[in-house]
C-alpha atoms as a PDB file:
ATOM      1  CA  MET A   1      17.826 153.406 132.762  1.00  0.00           C
ATOM      2  CA  VAL A   2      18.886 152.972 129.623  1.00  0.00           C
ATOM      3  CA  PHE A   3      19.429 156.445 128.795  1.00  0.00           C
ATOM      4  CA  ASP A   4      21.180 156.944 132.517  1.00  0.00           C
ATOM      5  CA  LEU A   5      23.928 154.274 131.109  1.00  0.00           C
ATOM      6  CA  ARG A   6      23.806 156.022 127.781  1.00  0.00           C
ATOM      7  CA  ALA A   7      24.671 159.687 129.669  1.00  0.00           C
ATOM      8  CA  ALA A   8      27.236 158.020 131.844  1.00  0.00           C
ATOM      9  CA  LEU A   9      28.590 156.814 128.693  1.00  0.00           C
ATOM     10  CA  GLU A  10      28.491 159.615 126.261  1.00  0.00           C
ATOM     11  CA  GLY A  11      29.889 161.827 129.324  1.00  0.00           C
ATOM     12  CA  ALA A  12      32.797 159.596 129.622  1.00  0.00           C
ATOM     13  CA  GLY A  13      33.114 159.913 125.670  1.00  0.00           C
ATOM     14  CA  ILE A  14      32.167 157.047 124.452  1.00  0.00           C
ATOM     15  CA  ASN A  15      29.440 157.268 121.434  1.00  0.00           C
ATOM     16  CA  THR A  16      26.097 155.004 121.648  1.00  0.00           C
ATOM     17  CA  HIS A  17      22.907 153.899 120.171  1.00  0.00           C
ATOM     18  CA  VAL A  18      19.929 152.841 121.798  1.00  0.00           C
ATOM     19  CA  PHE A  19      17.837 149.885 120.377  1.00  0.00           C
ATOM     20  CA  ALA A  20      14.946 148.871 121.557  1.00  0.00           C
ATOM     21  CA  ALA A  21      12.519 145.741 120.596  1.00  0.00           C
ATOM     22  CA  GLN A  22       9.296 146.958 122.530  1.00  0.00           C
ATOM     23  CA  GLU A  23       9.137 142.813 123.214  1.00  0.00           C
ATOM     24  CA  LEU A  24       6.352 143.471 126.259  1.00  0.00           C
ATOM     25  CA  ALA A  25       4.542 145.663 123.666  1.00  0.00           C
ATOM     26  CA  LEU A  26       2.409 142.988 122.102  1.00  0.00           C
ATOM     27  CA  PRO A  27      -1.983 142.877 121.384  1.00  0.00           C
ATOM     28  CA  THR A  28      -3.861 141.831 123.868  1.00  0.00           C
ATOM     29  CA  MET A  29      -1.314 142.290 126.557  1.00  0.00           C
ATOM     30  CA  SER A  30      -3.373 142.113 129.091  1.00  0.00           C
ATOM     31  CA  GLY A  31      -3.636 138.529 128.331  1.00  0.00           C
ATOM     32  CA  HIS A  32      -0.073 137.788 129.061  1.00  0.00           C
ATOM     33  CA  PHE A  33      -0.784 139.135 132.551  1.00  0.00           C
ATOM     34  CA  ALA A  34      -3.718 136.771 133.767  1.00  0.00           C
ATOM     35  CA  GLY A  35      -6.622 138.377 132.355  1.00  0.00           C
ATOM     36  CA  ARG A  36      -5.479 142.281 134.085  1.00  0.00           C
ATOM     37  CA  ASP A  37      -7.879 144.457 132.144  1.00  0.00           C
ATOM     38  CA  GLN A  38      -4.547 146.779 131.391  1.00  0.00           C
ATOM     39  CA  SER A  39      -0.883 146.852 131.091  1.00  0.00           C
ATOM     40  CA  THR A  40       1.529 148.982 133.486  1.00  0.00           C
ATOM     41  CA  VAL A  41       4.291 148.862 130.503  1.00  0.00           C
ATOM     42  CA  ALA A  42       4.325 152.476 129.994  1.00  0.00           C
ATOM     43  CA  PRO A  43       4.311 153.457 126.229  1.00  0.00           C
ATOM     44  CA  ALA A  44       7.928 153.874 124.286  1.00  0.00           C
ATOM     45  CA  HIS A  45       7.200 157.487 123.674  1.00  0.00           C
ATOM     46  CA  PRO A  46      10.219 159.724 123.162  1.00  0.00           C
ATOM     47  CA  SER A  47       8.722 162.958 124.154  1.00  0.00           C
ATOM     48  CA  SER A  48       8.879 160.928 128.081  1.00  0.00           C
ATOM     49  CA  TRP A  49      12.603 159.765 127.568  1.00  0.00           C
ATOM     50  CA  GLN A  50      15.307 161.727 129.680  1.00  0.00           C
ATOM     51  CA  LEU A  51      17.896 162.092 127.724  1.00  0.00           C
ATOM     52  CA  ARG A  52      20.064 163.310 130.649  1.00  0.00           C
ATOM     53  CA  THR A  53      22.473 164.734 128.273  1.00  0.00           C
ATOM     54  CA  ALA A  54      22.578 167.988 125.897  1.00  0.00           C
ATOM     55  CA  GLY A  55      21.834 167.208 121.919  1.00  0.00           C
ATOM     56  CA  THR A  56      20.651 164.483 120.087  1.00  0.00           C
ATOM     57  CA  ALA A  57      20.474 160.348 120.543  1.00  0.00           C
ATOM     58  CA  GLN A  58      21.020 158.071 118.435  1.00  0.00           C
ATOM     59  CA  VAL A  59      17.734 155.868 118.629  1.00  0.00           C
ATOM     60  CA  SER A  60      16.073 152.553 116.834  1.00  0.00           C
ATOM     61  CA  LEU A  61      12.541 151.338 117.947  1.00  0.00           C
ATOM     62  CA  ALA A  62      10.719 148.684 116.763  1.00  0.00           C
ATOM     63  CA  SER A  63       7.342 148.885 115.418  1.00  0.00           C
ATOM     64  CA  GLU A  64       4.696 147.318 117.618  1.00  0.00           C
ATOM     65  CA  ASP A  65       2.698 147.115 114.091  1.00  0.00           C
ATOM     66  CA  PHE A  66       5.066 143.835 113.520  1.00  0.00           C
ATOM     67  CA  SER A  67       5.603 140.755 115.215  1.00  0.00           C
ATOM     68  CA  LEU A  68       8.344 139.959 116.898  1.00  0.00           C
ATOM     69  CA  GLY A  69      10.620 137.972 115.340  1.00  0.00           C
ATOM     70  CA  SER A  70       9.959 141.099 112.517  1.00  0.00           C
ATOM     71  CA  ARG A  71      11.587 143.349 115.070  1.00  0.00           C
ATOM     72  CA  TRP A  72      14.012 141.215 116.599  1.00  0.00           C
ATOM     73  CA  THR A  73      15.433 140.369 112.662  1.00  0.00           C
ATOM     74  CA  ASP A  74      15.505 144.618 111.879  1.00  0.00           C
ATOM     75  CA  LEU A  75      17.274 145.468 114.712  1.00  0.00           C
ATOM     76  CA  ILE A  76      19.831 142.805 114.161  1.00  0.00           C
ATOM     77  CA  GLN A  77      20.492 144.482 111.152  1.00  0.00           C
ATOM     78  CA  GLY A  78      20.460 147.359 112.663  1.00  0.00           C
ATOM     79  CA  ILE A  79      23.097 146.898 114.953  1.00  0.00           C
ATOM     80  CA  GLY A  80      24.812 144.942 112.369  1.00  0.00           C
ATOM     81  CA  ARG A  81      25.468 148.365 110.420  1.00  0.00           C
ATOM     82  CA  TYR A  82      26.299 150.351 113.495  1.00  0.00           C
ATOM     83  CA  ALA A  83      29.091 147.599 114.071  1.00  0.00           C
ATOM     84  CA  PRO A  84      29.442 147.813 117.887  1.00  0.00           C
ATOM     85  CA  ASP A  85      32.308 147.451 119.901  1.00  0.00           C
ATOM     86  CA  VAL A  86      30.251 146.381 122.856  1.00  0.00           C
ATOM     87  CA  VAL A  87      26.620 145.348 123.302  1.00  0.00           C
ATOM     88  CA  LEU A  88      24.902 146.689 126.569  1.00  0.00           C
ATOM     89  CA  PHE A  89      22.176 144.492 127.371  1.00  0.00           C
ATOM     90  CA  VAL A  90      19.129 146.444 129.938  1.00  0.00           C
ATOM     91  CA  GLY A  91      16.907 144.134 131.007  1.00  0.00           C
ATOM     92  CA  PHE A  92      16.703 140.890 132.661  1.00  0.00           C
ATOM     93  CA  SER A  93      15.768 138.451 129.316  1.00  0.00           C
ATOM     94  CA  SER A  94      15.902 138.675 125.888  1.00  0.00           C
ATOM     95  CA  PRO A  95      15.799 136.097 122.293  1.00  0.00           C
ATOM     96  CA  LEU A  96      17.542 139.114 120.968  1.00  0.00           C
ATOM     97  CA  ILE A  97      20.638 138.966 123.197  1.00  0.00           C
ATOM     98  CA  TRP A  98      21.362 135.037 122.331  1.00  0.00           C
ATOM     99  CA  ALA A  99      21.625 135.856 118.234  1.00  0.00           C
ATOM    100  CA  LEU A 100      24.054 138.962 119.099  1.00  0.00           C
ATOM    101  CA  TYR A 101      26.008 136.820 121.783  1.00  0.00           C
ATOM    102  CA  PRO A 102      28.082 134.969 119.657  1.00  0.00           C
ATOM    103  CA  ASP A 103      29.206 138.025 116.777  1.00  0.00           C
ATOM    104  CA  TYR A 104      29.359 140.837 120.254  1.00  0.00           C
ATOM    105  CA  PRO A 105      31.011 141.106 123.157  1.00  0.00           C
ATOM    106  CA  VAL A 106      28.244 142.128 125.980  1.00  0.00           C
ATOM    107  CA  VAL A 107      27.897 143.281 128.852  1.00  0.00           C
ATOM    108  CA  GLY A 108      24.439 142.600 130.749  1.00  0.00           C
ATOM    109  CA  MET A 109      22.895 145.107 133.846  1.00  0.00           C
ATOM    110  CA  SER A 110      19.825 143.145 135.192  1.00  0.00           C
ATOM    111  CA  LEU A 111      16.714 145.242 136.401  1.00  0.00           C
ATOM    112  CA  HIS A 112      16.900 142.339 139.337  1.00  0.00           C
ATOM    113  CA  THR A 113      19.361 140.853 141.689  1.00  0.00           C
ATOM    114  CA  VAL A 114      20.188 138.153 139.579  1.00  0.00           C
ATOM    115  CA  PRO A 115      22.125 138.177 136.299  1.00  0.00           C
ATOM    116  CA  PRO A 116      20.327 138.178 133.077  1.00  0.00           C
ATOM    117  CA  LEU A 117      18.137 135.183 131.647  1.00  0.00           C
ATOM    118  CA  ALA A 118      20.702 135.481 128.700  1.00  0.00           C
ATOM    119  CA  PRO A 119      23.845 135.124 128.000  1.00  0.00           C
ATOM    120  CA  VAL A 120      26.804 138.012 129.229  1.00  0.00           C
ATOM    121  CA  ASP A 121      30.581 138.218 129.141  1.00  0.00           C
ATOM    122  CA  VAL A 122      29.971 140.663 132.183  1.00  0.00           C
ATOM    123  CA  TRP A 123      27.680 141.472 134.454  1.00  0.00           C
ATOM    124  CA  LEU A 124      27.225 144.477 135.970  1.00  0.00           C
ATOM    125  CA  ALA A 125      26.502 143.281 140.117  1.00  0.00           C
ATOM    126  CA  ALA A 126      24.807 145.616 142.770  1.00  0.00           C
ATOM    127  CA  ASP A 127      25.955 143.540 144.767  1.00  0.00           C
ATOM    128  CA  PRO A 128      29.701 143.679 145.652  1.00  0.00           C
ATOM    129  CA  GLN A 129      30.526 139.337 146.022  1.00  0.00           C
ATOM    130  CA  PRO A 130      27.224 137.887 144.657  1.00  0.00           C
ATOM    131  CA  GLY A 131      26.876 134.455 144.981  1.00  0.00           C
ATOM    132  CA  GLN A 132      28.312 131.979 142.387  1.00  0.00           C
ATOM    133  CA  ASP A 133      24.587 130.399 142.991  1.00  0.00           C
ATOM    134  CA  LEU A 134      22.589 133.095 141.363  1.00  0.00           C
ATOM    135  CA  PHE A 135      24.210 131.840 137.555  1.00  0.00           C
ATOM    136  CA  TRP A 136      22.088 130.378 135.965  1.00  0.00           C
ATOM    137  CA  PRO A 137      22.602 126.627 135.147  1.00  0.00           C
ATOM    138  CA  GLY A 138      23.435 125.961 131.833  1.00  0.00           C
ATOM    139  CA  MET A 139      24.640 129.140 131.219  1.00  0.00           C
ATOM    140  CA  PRO A 140      27.960 130.235 130.806  1.00  0.00           C
ATOM    141  CA  ALA A 141      29.151 131.546 134.225  1.00  0.00           C
ATOM    142  CA  PRO A 142      29.461 135.499 133.309  1.00  0.00           C
ATOM    143  CA  LEU A 143      32.446 137.911 135.074  1.00  0.00           C
ATOM    144  CA  THR A 144      31.228 140.362 137.647  1.00  0.00           C
ATOM    145  CA  SER A 145      31.571 143.801 137.656  1.00  0.00           C
ATOM    146  CA  HIS A 146      30.179 145.048 140.864  1.00  0.00           C
ATOM    147  CA  PHE A 147      28.356 148.543 139.816  1.00  0.00           C
ATOM    148  CA  PRO A 148      25.402 149.569 142.796  1.00  0.00           C
ATOM    149  CA  PHE A 149      24.698 152.409 140.177  1.00  0.00           C
ATOM    150  CA  ARG A 150      21.736 152.374 139.827  1.00  0.00           C
ATOM    151  CA  PHE A 151      19.290 156.133 139.682  1.00  0.00           C
ATOM    152  CA  TRP A 152      20.138 159.319 138.195  1.00  0.00           C
ATOM    153  CA  PRO A 153      19.798 162.326 141.031  1.00  0.00           C
ATOM    154  CA  VAL A 154      16.010 163.578 140.772  1.00  0.00           C
ATOM    155  CA  GLN A 155      14.821 167.123 139.535  1.00  0.00           C
ATOM    156  CA  THR A 156      11.832 168.503 141.525  1.00  0.00           C
ATOM    157  CA  GLY A 157       9.864 170.915 140.292  1.00  0.00           C
ATOM    158  CA  SER A 158       8.285 173.722 142.424  1.00  0.00           C
ATOM    159  CA  ALA A 159       8.122 173.050 146.400  1.00  0.00           C
ATOM    160  CA  LEU A 160       4.676 172.520 147.450  1.00  0.00           C
ATOM    161  CA  SER A 161       2.990 173.537 150.593  1.00  0.00           C
ATOM    162  CA  ARG A 162       1.525 170.784 153.147  1.00  0.00           C
ATOM    163  CA  ASP A 163      -1.464 172.546 152.556  1.00  0.00           C
ATOM    164  CA  VAL A 164      -2.101 170.324 149.563  1.00  0.00           C
ATOM    165  CA  LEU A 165      -2.649 167.804 152.104  1.00  0.00           C
ATOM    166  CA  GLY A 166      -4.064 169.835 154.980  1.00  0.00           C
ATOM    167  CA  VAL A 167      -0.932 169.181 156.843  1.00  0.00           C
ATOM    168  CA  PRO A 168       0.322 172.130 159.291  1.00  0.00           C
ATOM    169  CA  GLU A 169       3.722 172.966 158.226  1.00  0.00           C
ATOM    170  CA  ASP A 170       5.036 173.008 161.914  1.00  0.00           C
ATOM    171  CA  ALA A 171       3.926 168.876 162.036  1.00  0.00           C
ATOM    172  CA  ILE A 172       5.973 165.643 161.576  1.00  0.00           C
ATOM    173  CA  LEU A 173       5.369 164.249 157.995  1.00  0.00           C
ATOM    174  CA  LEU A 174       6.108 160.619 157.157  1.00  0.00           C
ATOM    175  CA  VAL A 175       5.885 159.337 153.907  1.00  0.00           C
ATOM    176  CA  SER A 176       5.501 155.974 152.597  1.00  0.00           C
ATOM    177  CA  SER A 177       4.592 154.853 148.514  1.00  0.00           C
ATOM    178  CA  GLY A 178       4.056 152.610 145.929  1.00  0.00           C
ATOM    179  CA  HIS A 179       1.297 150.880 144.173  1.00  0.00           C
ATOM    180  CA  ARG A 180       0.769 148.138 145.890  1.00  0.00           C
ATOM    181  CA  LEU A 181       0.647 149.687 149.441  1.00  0.00           C
ATOM    182  CA  HIS A 182      -2.829 148.242 150.045  1.00  0.00           C
ATOM    183  CA  THR A 183      -1.208 144.609 150.155  1.00  0.00           C
ATOM    184  CA  GLU A 184       2.209 145.958 150.813  1.00  0.00           C
ATOM    185  CA  LEU A 185       1.234 147.715 154.320  1.00  0.00           C
ATOM    186  CA  GLN A 186       1.733 144.340 156.530  1.00  0.00           C
ATOM    187  CA  PRO A 187      -1.738 144.399 159.572  1.00  0.00           C
ATOM    188  CA  GLU A 188       0.147 144.111 162.018  1.00  0.00           C
ATOM    189  CA  TRP A 189       3.313 146.296 161.058  1.00  0.00           C
ATOM    190  CA  ALA A 190       0.856 149.056 160.100  1.00  0.00           C
ATOM    191  CA  ALA A 191      -0.955 148.587 163.503  1.00  0.00           C
ATOM    192  CA  HIS A 192       2.220 149.802 164.736  1.00  0.00           C
ATOM    193  CA  ILE A 193       2.478 152.688 163.163  1.00  0.00           C
ATOM    194  CA  LEU A 194      -1.213 153.793 163.688  1.00  0.00           C
ATOM    195  CA  GLY A 195      -0.927 153.514 167.160  1.00  0.00           C
ATOM    196  CA  PHE A 196       2.024 155.820 166.854  1.00  0.00           C
ATOM    197  CA  LEU A 197       0.005 158.469 165.594  1.00  0.00           C
ATOM    198  CA  ASP A 198      -2.550 158.326 168.708  1.00  0.00           C
ATOM    199  CA  ALA A 199      -0.200 158.446 171.176  1.00  0.00           C
ATOM    200  CA  HIS A 200       1.799 162.053 168.823  1.00  0.00           C
ATOM    201  CA  PRO A 201      -0.556 164.510 168.195  1.00  0.00           C
ATOM    202  CA  GLN A 202       1.893 166.209 166.029  1.00  0.00           C
ATOM    203  CA  ILE A 203       2.782 163.782 163.643  1.00  0.00           C
ATOM    204  CA  HIS A 204       0.580 162.663 159.792  1.00  0.00           C
ATOM    205  CA  TRP A 205       1.276 159.912 157.588  1.00  0.00           C
ATOM    206  CA  LEU A 206       1.121 160.180 153.841  1.00  0.00           C
ATOM    207  CA  LEU A 207       0.334 157.286 151.437  1.00  0.00           C
ATOM    208  CA  ILE A 208       1.190 157.876 147.992  1.00  0.00           C
ATOM    209  CA  GLY A 209       0.859 155.660 145.250  1.00  0.00           C
ATOM    210  CA  MET A 210      -2.272 153.788 145.076  1.00  0.00           C
ATOM    211  CA  HIS A 211      -4.876 153.959 142.230  1.00  0.00           C
ATOM    212  CA  GLY A 212      -8.739 154.200 142.120  1.00  0.00           C
ATOM    213  CA  GLN A 213     -10.258 154.310 144.940  1.00  0.00           C
ATOM    214  CA  LEU A 214      -8.154 152.854 147.677  1.00  0.00           C
ATOM    215  CA  HIS A 215      -5.671 155.767 148.318  1.00  0.00           C
ATOM    216  CA  GLU A 216      -9.727 157.152 149.746  1.00  0.00           C
ATOM    217  CA  ALA A 217     -10.237 153.822 151.293  1.00  0.00           C
ATOM    218  CA  MET A 218      -7.543 154.371 153.086  1.00  0.00           C
ATOM    219  CA  ALA A 219      -7.447 157.444 154.637  1.00  0.00           C
ATOM    220  CA  ARG A 220     -10.102 156.579 156.375  1.00  0.00           C
ATOM    221  CA  TRP A 221      -8.146 154.352 158.786  1.00  0.00           C
ATOM    222  CA  HIS A 222      -7.151 157.352 160.494  1.00  0.00           C
ATOM    223  CA  PRO A 223      -7.760 161.392 160.932  1.00  0.00           C
ATOM    224  CA  ARG A 224      -4.409 161.720 160.281  1.00  0.00           C
ATOM    225  CA  LEU A 225      -3.952 159.635 157.643  1.00  0.00           C
ATOM    226  CA  HIS A 226      -3.296 161.322 154.262  1.00  0.00           C
ATOM    227  CA  SER A 227      -3.487 159.417 151.178  1.00  0.00           C
ATOM    228  CA  VAL A 228      -2.879 160.643 147.144  1.00  0.00           C
ATOM    229  CA  PRO A 229      -2.882 158.320 143.735  1.00  0.00           C
ATOM    230  CA  HIS A 230      -0.072 157.822 142.170  1.00  0.00           C
ATOM    231  CA  GLN A 231       2.066 161.307 141.235  1.00  0.00           C
ATOM    232  CA  ASP A 232       4.233 162.263 138.377  1.00  0.00           C
ATOM    233  CA  ASP A 233       6.563 164.106 140.293  1.00  0.00           C
ATOM    234  CA  LEU A 234       6.856 161.933 143.271  1.00  0.00           C
ATOM    235  CA  ALA A 235      10.136 163.752 144.438  1.00  0.00           C
ATOM    236  CA  ALA A 236       8.563 166.767 145.279  1.00  0.00           C
ATOM    237  CA  PHE A 237       5.782 164.846 147.586  1.00  0.00           C
ATOM    238  CA  ILE A 238       8.806 162.723 149.398  1.00  0.00           C
ATOM    239  CA  SER A 239      11.284 166.119 149.721  1.00  0.00           C
ATOM    240  CA  MET A 240       7.735 166.985 151.976  1.00  0.00           C
ATOM    241  CA  ALA A 241       8.682 163.834 154.809  1.00  0.00           C
ATOM    242  CA  ASP A 242      10.332 164.613 157.944  1.00  0.00           C
ATOM    243  CA  ILE A 243      10.895 160.521 157.762  1.00  0.00           C
ATOM    244  CA  TYR A 244      10.338 158.548 154.658  1.00  0.00           C
ATOM    245  CA  LEU A 245       9.011 154.984 155.820  1.00  0.00           C
ATOM    246  CA  ASN A 246       9.434 151.723 154.131  1.00  0.00           C
ATOM    247  CA  PRO A 247       7.120 149.071 154.849  1.00  0.00           C
ATOM    248  CA  PRO A 248       8.611 145.681 155.439  1.00  0.00           C
ATOM    249  CA  ARG A 249       8.354 144.781 152.258  1.00  0.00           C
ATOM    250  CA  MET A 250      10.497 143.154 149.698  1.00  0.00           C
ATOM    251  CA  GLY A 251      11.054 145.783 147.157  1.00  0.00           C
ATOM    252  CA  GLY A 252      10.685 149.695 147.828  1.00  0.00           C
ATOM    253  CA  GLY A 253      14.631 150.642 146.737  1.00  0.00           C
ATOM    254  CA  ALA A 254      14.067 152.796 143.979  1.00  0.00           C
ATOM    255  CA  SER A 255      11.460 155.374 146.281  1.00  0.00           C
ATOM    256  CA  VAL A 256      14.281 154.903 149.339  1.00  0.00           C
ATOM    257  CA  ALA A 257      17.362 155.668 146.597  1.00  0.00           C
ATOM    258  CA  MET A 258      14.840 159.320 145.673  1.00  0.00           C
ATOM    259  CA  ALA A 259      14.690 160.139 149.362  1.00  0.00           C
ATOM    260  CA  MET A 260      18.168 159.483 149.982  1.00  0.00           C
ATOM    261  CA  ASP A 261      18.981 161.091 147.560  1.00  0.00           C
ATOM    262  CA  LEU A 262      16.683 164.163 148.527  1.00  0.00           C
ATOM    263  CA  GLY A 263      18.362 163.886 152.260  1.00  0.00           C
ATOM    264  CA  VAL A 264      15.141 162.754 153.818  1.00  0.00           C
ATOM    265  CA  PRO A 265      15.980 159.684 156.333  1.00  0.00           C
ATOM    266  CA  VAL A 266      14.878 156.939 155.601  1.00  0.00           C
ATOM    267  CA  LEU A 267      13.502 153.894 157.956  1.00  0.00           C
ATOM    268  CA  SER A 268      13.672 150.591 156.559  1.00  0.00           C
ATOM    269  CA  MET A 269      14.299 146.601 157.252  1.00  0.00           C
ATOM    270  CA  ARG A 270      17.300 144.210 156.431  1.00  0.00           C
ATOM    271  CA  GLY A 271      16.807 141.780 154.013  1.00  0.00           C
ATOM    272  CA  SER A 272      14.971 144.064 151.219  1.00  0.00           C
ATOM    273  CA  ASP A 273      15.824 145.739 148.524  1.00  0.00           C
ATOM    274  CA  GLY A 274      15.151 149.334 150.141  1.00  0.00           C
ATOM    275  CA  GLY A 275      17.369 147.736 153.741  1.00  0.00           C
ATOM    276  CA  ASP A 276      20.069 147.334 151.209  1.00  0.00           C
ATOM    277  CA  LYS A 277      20.073 150.556 150.291  1.00  0.00           C
ATOM    278  CA  VAL A 278      19.928 152.338 153.548  1.00  0.00           C
ATOM    279  CA  GLY A 279      22.938 149.684 154.776  1.00  0.00           C
ATOM    280  CA  ASP A 280      23.765 149.907 158.248  1.00  0.00           C
ATOM    281  CA  LEU A 281      20.996 151.854 159.464  1.00  0.00           C
ATOM    282  CA  ALA A 282      18.532 149.754 157.926  1.00  0.00           C
ATOM    283  CA  VAL A 283      16.753 147.648 161.641  1.00  0.00           C
ATOM    284  CA  SER A 284      16.630 143.991 161.590  1.00  0.00           C
ATOM    285  CA  ASP A 285      12.554 143.910 163.318  1.00  0.00           C
ATOM    286  CA  THR A 286       9.813 145.370 164.449  1.00  0.00           C
ATOM    287  CA  THR A 287      10.959 146.765 167.564  1.00  0.00           C
ATOM    288  CA  GLY A 288      13.751 148.205 166.336  1.00  0.00           C
ATOM    289  CA  TYR A 289      12.204 150.166 163.988  1.00  0.00           C
ATOM    290  CA  MET A 290       9.918 151.464 166.464  1.00  0.00           C
ATOM    291  CA  GLN A 291      12.359 152.879 168.719  1.00  0.00           C
ATOM    292  CA  ARG A 292      14.400 154.474 165.810  1.00  0.00           C
ATOM    293  CA  LEU A 293      11.350 156.368 164.346  1.00  0.00           C
ATOM    294  CA  ALA A 294      10.456 157.638 168.237  1.00  0.00           C
ATOM    295  CA  GLU A 295      13.717 158.507 168.264  1.00  0.00           C
ATOM    296  CA  TRP A 296      13.837 160.425 165.208  1.00  0.00           C
ATOM    297  CA  CYS A 297      10.296 162.117 165.978  1.00  0.00           C
ATOM    298  CA  GLY A 298      11.603 163.463 169.250  1.00  0.00           C
ATOM    299  CA  ASP A 299      14.707 164.696 167.942  1.00  0.00           C
ATOM    300  CA  ALA A 300      15.084 167.245 164.443  1.00  0.00           C
ATOM    301  CA  GLY A 301      19.056 166.965 164.572  1.00  0.00           C
ATOM    302  CA  LEU A 302      19.016 163.109 164.812  1.00  0.00           C
ATOM    303  CA  ARG A 303      16.595 163.380 161.348  1.00  0.00           C
ATOM    304  CA  HIS A 304      19.033 165.887 159.400  1.00  0.00           C
ATOM    305  CA  GLN A 305      22.293 163.940 160.986  1.00  0.00           C
ATOM    306  CA  ALA A 306      20.866 160.459 159.372  1.00  0.00           C
ATOM    307  CA  GLY A 307      19.711 161.900 156.391  1.00  0.00           C
ATOM    308  CA  ALA A 308      23.084 163.828 155.716  1.00  0.00           C
ATOM    309  CA  VAL A 309      24.465 160.241 155.806  1.00  0.00           C
ATOM    310  CA  LEU A 310      21.863 158.513 153.157  1.00  0.00           C
ATOM    311  CA  GLN A 311      22.360 161.474 150.735  1.00  0.00           C
ATOM    312  CA  ARG A 312      26.570 160.694 151.128  1.00  0.00           C
ATOM    313  CA  LYS A 313      26.038 157.236 150.819  1.00  0.00           C
ATOM    314  CA  PHE A 314      23.718 157.979 147.612  1.00  0.00           C
ATOM    315  CA  ARG A 315      25.979 160.294 145.913  1.00  0.00           C
ATOM    316  CA  ASP A 316      28.539 157.567 146.599  1.00  0.00           C
ATOM    317  CA  GLU A 317      26.987 154.714 146.165  1.00  0.00           C
ATOM    318  CA  LEU A 318      23.918 155.189 144.127  1.00  0.00           C
ATOM    319  CA  ASP A 319      24.305 157.546 141.672  1.00  0.00           C
ATOM    320  CA  ILE A 320      24.891 156.931 137.777  1.00  0.00           C
ATOM    321  CA  SER A 321      25.727 160.256 137.002  1.00  0.00           C
ATOM    322  CA  GLN A 322      28.746 159.868 139.331  1.00  0.00           C
ATOM    323  CA  PRO A 323      32.008 160.279 137.321  1.00  0.00           C
ATOM    324  CA  ASP A 324      32.838 156.663 139.047  1.00  0.00           C
ATOM    325  CA  ALA A 325      29.859 155.261 137.370  1.00  0.00           C
ATOM    326  CA  GLY A 326      31.062 156.312 134.172  1.00  0.00           C
ATOM    327  CA  ARG A 327      34.539 154.509 134.625  1.00  0.00           C
ATOM    328  CA  ARG A 328      33.548 151.637 136.069  1.00  0.00           C
ATOM    329  CA  LEU A 329      31.206 151.248 132.950  1.00  0.00           C
ATOM    330  CA  ILE A 330      33.846 151.548 130.658  1.00  0.00           C
ATOM    331  CA  GLN A 331      35.808 148.927 132.371  1.00  0.00           C
ATOM    332  CA  ALA A 332      33.749 146.408 132.524  1.00  0.00           C
ATOM    333  CA  CYS A 333      32.995 147.020 128.490  1.00  0.00           C
ATOM    334  CA  ARG A 334      36.716 146.666 128.425  1.00  0.00           C
ATOM    335  CA  VAL A 335      36.585 143.341 130.576  1.00  0.00           C
ATOM    336  CA  ALA A 336      33.739 141.894 127.690  1.00  0.00           C
ATOM    337  CA  LEU A 337      36.330 142.840 125.069  1.00  0.00           C
ATOM    338  CA  THR A 338      38.882 140.389 126.461  1.00  0.00           C
ATOM    339  CA  CYS A 339      35.816 137.686 127.281  1.00  0.00           C
ATOM    340  CA  PHE A 340      34.700 137.859 123.996  1.00  0.00           C
ATOM    341  CA  GLU A 341      38.543 137.675 122.618  1.00  0.00           C
ATOM    342  CA  HIS A 342      39.102 134.316 124.060  1.00  0.00           C
ATOM    343  CA  ARG A 343      35.235 133.089 123.491  1.00  0.00           C
ATOM    344  CA  GLN A 344      36.236 133.450 119.735  1.00  0.00           C
ATOM    345  CA  SER A 345      39.860 132.203 120.053  1.00  0.00           C
ATOM    346  CA  GLY A 346      38.672 128.632 121.929  1.00  0.00           C
ATOM    347  CA  PRO A 347      36.559 127.149 125.128  1.00  0.00           C
ATOM    348  CA  GLN A 348      35.450 129.508 127.451  1.00  0.00           C
ATOM    349  CA  THR A 349      37.123 130.306 130.196  1.00  0.00           C
ATOM    350  CA  GLN A 350      37.056 131.868 134.116  1.00  0.00           C
ATOM    351  CA  LEU A 351      39.424 134.864 133.983  1.00  0.00           C
ATOM    352  CA  TYR A 352      38.921 136.975 136.155  1.00  0.00           C
ATOM    353  CA  HIS A 353      37.068 139.604 138.574  1.00  0.00           C
ATOM    354  CA  ALA A 354      36.502 142.767 137.764  1.00  0.00           C
ATOM    355  CA  GLU A 355      36.165 145.358 140.307  1.00  0.00           C
END
């Protein structure tokens, strides 16, 4: 996300410098996750960065060898030397922002549907009209700027053949993904899908993302259910799908957005991250879900039509590489500058909402 936003700004002619404290990279990190054997936090290694733009990027990465206090002090000094016009905070919470807020305008991009748990002048909100009840008590309420853009278009590698799964090319392939599928597949919903497989011998279902022996165990649920562990090139697997099935769960928005980007029709429930992404195509209950699934499996034209609608929706509302994303981001930064001027000159007042 950080480098996606950076690319949007650089594409609009704004110079950037990325500073990262690596606050989740701590010794004995598993102890902070209730004793899990390992952390799922990916290491911040330059080889894994996707800069999205040509040339080099200015990045200051705090060393994991030092304490958090030492890292924060070092980054504050580095930010002071860089002297930014605006600080763009990407994350949920960081003590570093509390130290920067008195001296800089701050725009916040939360990784959740609520504002950052840190003082920011402008919150880049995915919801066009977020409720005031989302703001944190005891903190200055930020202005909101509608910014639904969250995803950079995927670039798939070499096309995969269904032969790798043992699925016929003329079969209808359903795909679901997630590393918590073993807990997210509600028994009643899963039973409906498995019953649907029983009634339609031309349909296969692929589960992607579970670790260890979980994916092997789940593959034994049905002879036409296939399971593979985490895949680095998830897009290559989703692009094989005729329909992407998002289970009834709170999350799943990232994989739903990827399917939309690839033009794959998505089935998702309302009131969830995935449902919010597909908008009007979300269904309200299991009955509607199974009815839509039957319709799409029975009519390739309906599938292609739904896939095209969702692909356009991705381009218009979620694609951070679009010029409109850069324009809105710059506008939010300008509003933050105005807010900062008011903060410097007197008590904070509510000015207006940025659009």
